[in-house]
């Protein structure tokens, strides 16, 4: 079950601790994922990080995957305006699509374009679920070790 939009918070943490990692990991609790992300993935990506950001986006329509990613990325300015998302060393991207309108292979191009905006050194994890609980495509991005903008 995907958290309701009202409960989806865009967050930024300096020096995330165990409580922050647990809070972020709870985003993925009780998911019926095709490609799961779990608490151990989150812990591995965030443990010892200087900072972490959690972003959520959603979209419908023809370009829903690209639009949902863009919606999530735009929240960076609101929660970490002096940090560069694309400098992150670790990134998790989790995509939820409606079961009645599953993610299409053609939508992978949006993910590839997003990945190409980061350094080749960036470590990635990704997850995918189909849910009867949603009507929009939803994207959650978790990134750590973002550098400050100059």
Protein backbone atom coordinates (compact mmCIF):
# COMPACT_ATOMS: atom_id res chain seq x y z
CA UNK A 1 0.00 0.00 0.00
CA UNK A 2 1.39 3.38 -0.98
CA UNK A 3 1.07 6.11 1.63
CA UNK A 4 -1.61 8.63 0.80
CA UNK A 5 -0.42 11.78 -0.92
CA UNK A 6 -1.20 13.75 2.23
CA UNK A 7 1.19 11.54 4.20
CA UNK A 8 4.02 11.69 1.65
CA UNK A 9 6.57 14.15 3.00
CA UNK A 10 9.54 15.56 1.15
CA UNK A 11 12.35 15.55 3.69
CA UNK A 12 15.98 16.59 4.07
CA UNK A 13 18.27 15.33 6.84
CA UNK A 14 21.79 16.41 7.79
CA UNK A 15 23.80 13.43 9.10
CA UNK A 16 20.89 10.98 9.05
CA UNK A 17 20.82 8.83 12.18
CA UNK A 18 19.16 5.48 12.86
CA UNK A 19 15.81 7.15 13.58
CA UNK A 20 15.92 9.00 10.24
CA UNK A 21 16.90 5.82 8.40
CA UNK A 22 14.03 3.97 10.09
CA UNK A 23 11.58 6.75 9.16
CA UNK A 24 12.69 6.63 5.52
CA UNK A 25 12.59 2.82 5.51
CA UNK A 26 8.98 2.89 6.69
CA UNK A 27 8.00 4.39 3.33
CA UNK A 28 8.43 0.89 1.92
CA UNK A 29 6.81 -1.06 4.76
CA UNK A 30 4.07 -3.48 3.68
CA UNK A 31 4.66 -3.09 -0.03
CA UNK A 32 3.71 -5.76 -2.52
CA UNK A 33 6.56 -4.94 -4.85
CA UNK A 34 7.66 -6.56 -8.06
CA UNK A 35 11.19 -5.29 -7.35
CA UNK A 36 11.28 -4.56 -3.60
CA UNK A 37 13.21 -1.97 -1.65
CA UNK A 38 13.53 -2.77 2.02
CA UNK A 39 14.98 -1.33 5.20
CA UNK A 40 18.37 -2.97 4.57
CA UNK A 41 18.65 -1.23 1.17
CA UNK A 42 17.85 2.11 2.79
CA UNK A 43 20.30 1.52 5.62
CA UNK A 44 23.06 0.56 3.17
CA UNK A 45 22.47 3.68 1.07
CA UNK A 46 22.22 6.12 4.00
CA UNK A 47 24.43 4.80 6.77
CA UNK A 48 27.27 7.25 7.39
CA UNK A 49 25.90 9.77 4.87
CA UNK A 50 26.45 13.49 5.31
CA UNK A 51 22.84 14.15 4.32
CA UNK A 52 19.81 12.58 2.70
CA UNK A 53 16.77 13.78 0.81
CA UNK A 54 13.41 12.09 0.22
CA UNK A 55 11.33 13.34 -2.70
CA UNK A 56 7.90 12.27 -3.97
CA UNK A 57 6.26 12.95 -7.30
CA UNK A 58 3.19 11.81 -9.16
CA UNK A 59 1.71 12.11 -12.63
CA UNK A 60 -0.79 10.69 -15.08
CA UNK A 61 -1.00 10.72 -18.84
CA UNK A 62 1.26 9.93 -21.75
CA UNK A 63 4.56 11.01 -20.11
CA UNK A 64 3.61 9.99 -16.59
CA UNK A 65 6.96 8.42 -15.64
CA UNK A 66 9.03 11.40 -16.79
CA UNK A 67 6.50 13.82 -15.31
CA UNK A 68 6.45 12.01 -11.94
CA UNK A 69 10.27 12.08 -11.80
CA UNK A 70 10.25 15.77 -12.68
CA UNK A 71 7.57 16.46 -10.04
CA UNK A 72 9.74 14.76 -7.41
CA UNK A 73 12.93 16.55 -8.49
CA UNK A 74 11.22 19.95 -8.36
CA UNK A 75 10.65 19.44 -4.63
CA UNK A 76 14.43 19.62 -4.11
CA UNK A 77 14.21 23.42 -4.14
CA UNK A 78 11.64 23.41 -1.34
CA UNK A 79 13.49 21.08 1.04
CA UNK A 80 17.18 21.50 0.14
CA UNK A 81 17.51 24.57 -2.06
CA UNK A 82 21.24 24.98 -1.43
CA UNK A 83 22.05 21.36 -2.39
CA UNK A 84 22.50 19.76 -5.82
CA UNK A 85 20.44 16.57 -6.15
CA UNK A 86 22.50 15.42 -9.13
CA UNK A 87 25.69 15.35 -7.06
CA UNK A 88 24.34 12.55 -4.84
CA UNK A 89 26.55 9.52 -4.33
CA UNK A 90 23.67 7.10 -3.64
CA UNK A 91 20.17 7.14 -5.10
CA UNK A 92 17.08 4.98 -4.66
CA UNK A 93 14.24 5.38 -7.14
CA UNK A 94 10.99 3.57 -6.42
CA UNK A 95 8.17 3.60 -8.94
CA UNK A 96 4.55 2.73 -8.17
CA UNK A 97 2.09 2.36 -10.99
CA UNK A 98 -1.60 1.52 -10.93
CA UNK A 99 -2.16 -2.20 -11.39
CA UNK A 100 -4.72 -1.42 -14.10
CA UNK A 101 -2.10 0.69 -15.95
CA UNK A 102 1.29 -0.96 -15.26
CA UNK A 103 4.58 0.66 -16.15
CA UNK A 104 5.48 0.08 -19.79
CA UNK A 105 8.92 -0.80 -21.12
CA UNK A 106 8.83 2.43 -23.15
CA UNK A 107 8.65 4.38 -19.87
CA UNK A 108 12.11 3.11 -18.91
CA UNK A 109 13.60 5.82 -21.13
CA UNK A 110 12.54 8.42 -18.53
CA UNK A 111 14.45 6.51 -15.86
CA UNK A 112 17.51 6.20 -18.11
CA UNK A 113 17.46 9.94 -18.80
CA UNK A 114 17.23 10.64 -15.06
CA UNK A 115 20.13 8.28 -14.26
CA UNK A 116 22.31 9.89 -16.93
CA UNK A 117 22.04 13.24 -15.10
CA UNK A 118 24.17 11.84 -12.25
CA UNK A 119 27.84 10.90 -12.06
CA UNK A 120 28.82 7.49 -13.37
CA UNK A 121 30.08 6.86 -9.81
CA UNK A 122 26.59 7.17 -8.29
CA UNK A 123 25.35 3.95 -6.68
CA UNK A 124 21.76 3.03 -7.56
CA UNK A 125 18.93 0.92 -6.19
CA UNK A 126 15.52 0.83 -7.75
CA UNK A 127 12.20 -0.71 -7.00
CA UNK A 128 8.88 -1.21 -8.73
CA UNK A 129 5.37 -1.99 -7.61
CA UNK A 130 1.90 -2.19 -9.06
CA UNK A 131 -0.92 -1.22 -6.75
CA UNK A 132 -4.70 -1.32 -6.79
CA UNK A 133 -4.62 1.55 -4.28
CA UNK A 134 -3.45 4.30 -6.66
CA UNK A 135 -4.55 5.92 -9.92
CA UNK A 136 -1.42 8.02 -10.62
CA UNK A 137 2.13 6.88 -11.23
CA UNK A 138 4.14 7.75 -8.14
CA UNK A 139 7.90 8.08 -7.80
CA UNK A 140 9.93 8.21 -4.60
CA UNK A 141 13.55 9.33 -4.83
CA UNK A 142 15.94 8.98 -1.91
CA UNK A 143 19.42 10.39 -2.36
CA UNK A 144 22.38 10.84 -0.05
CA UNK A 145 25.58 12.84 0.11
CA UNK A 146 24.33 15.78 -1.92
CA UNK A 147 26.91 18.52 -2.39
CA UNK A 148 26.16 22.17 -1.71
CA UNK A 149 25.68 24.43 -4.71
CA UNK A 150 28.30 27.09 -5.28
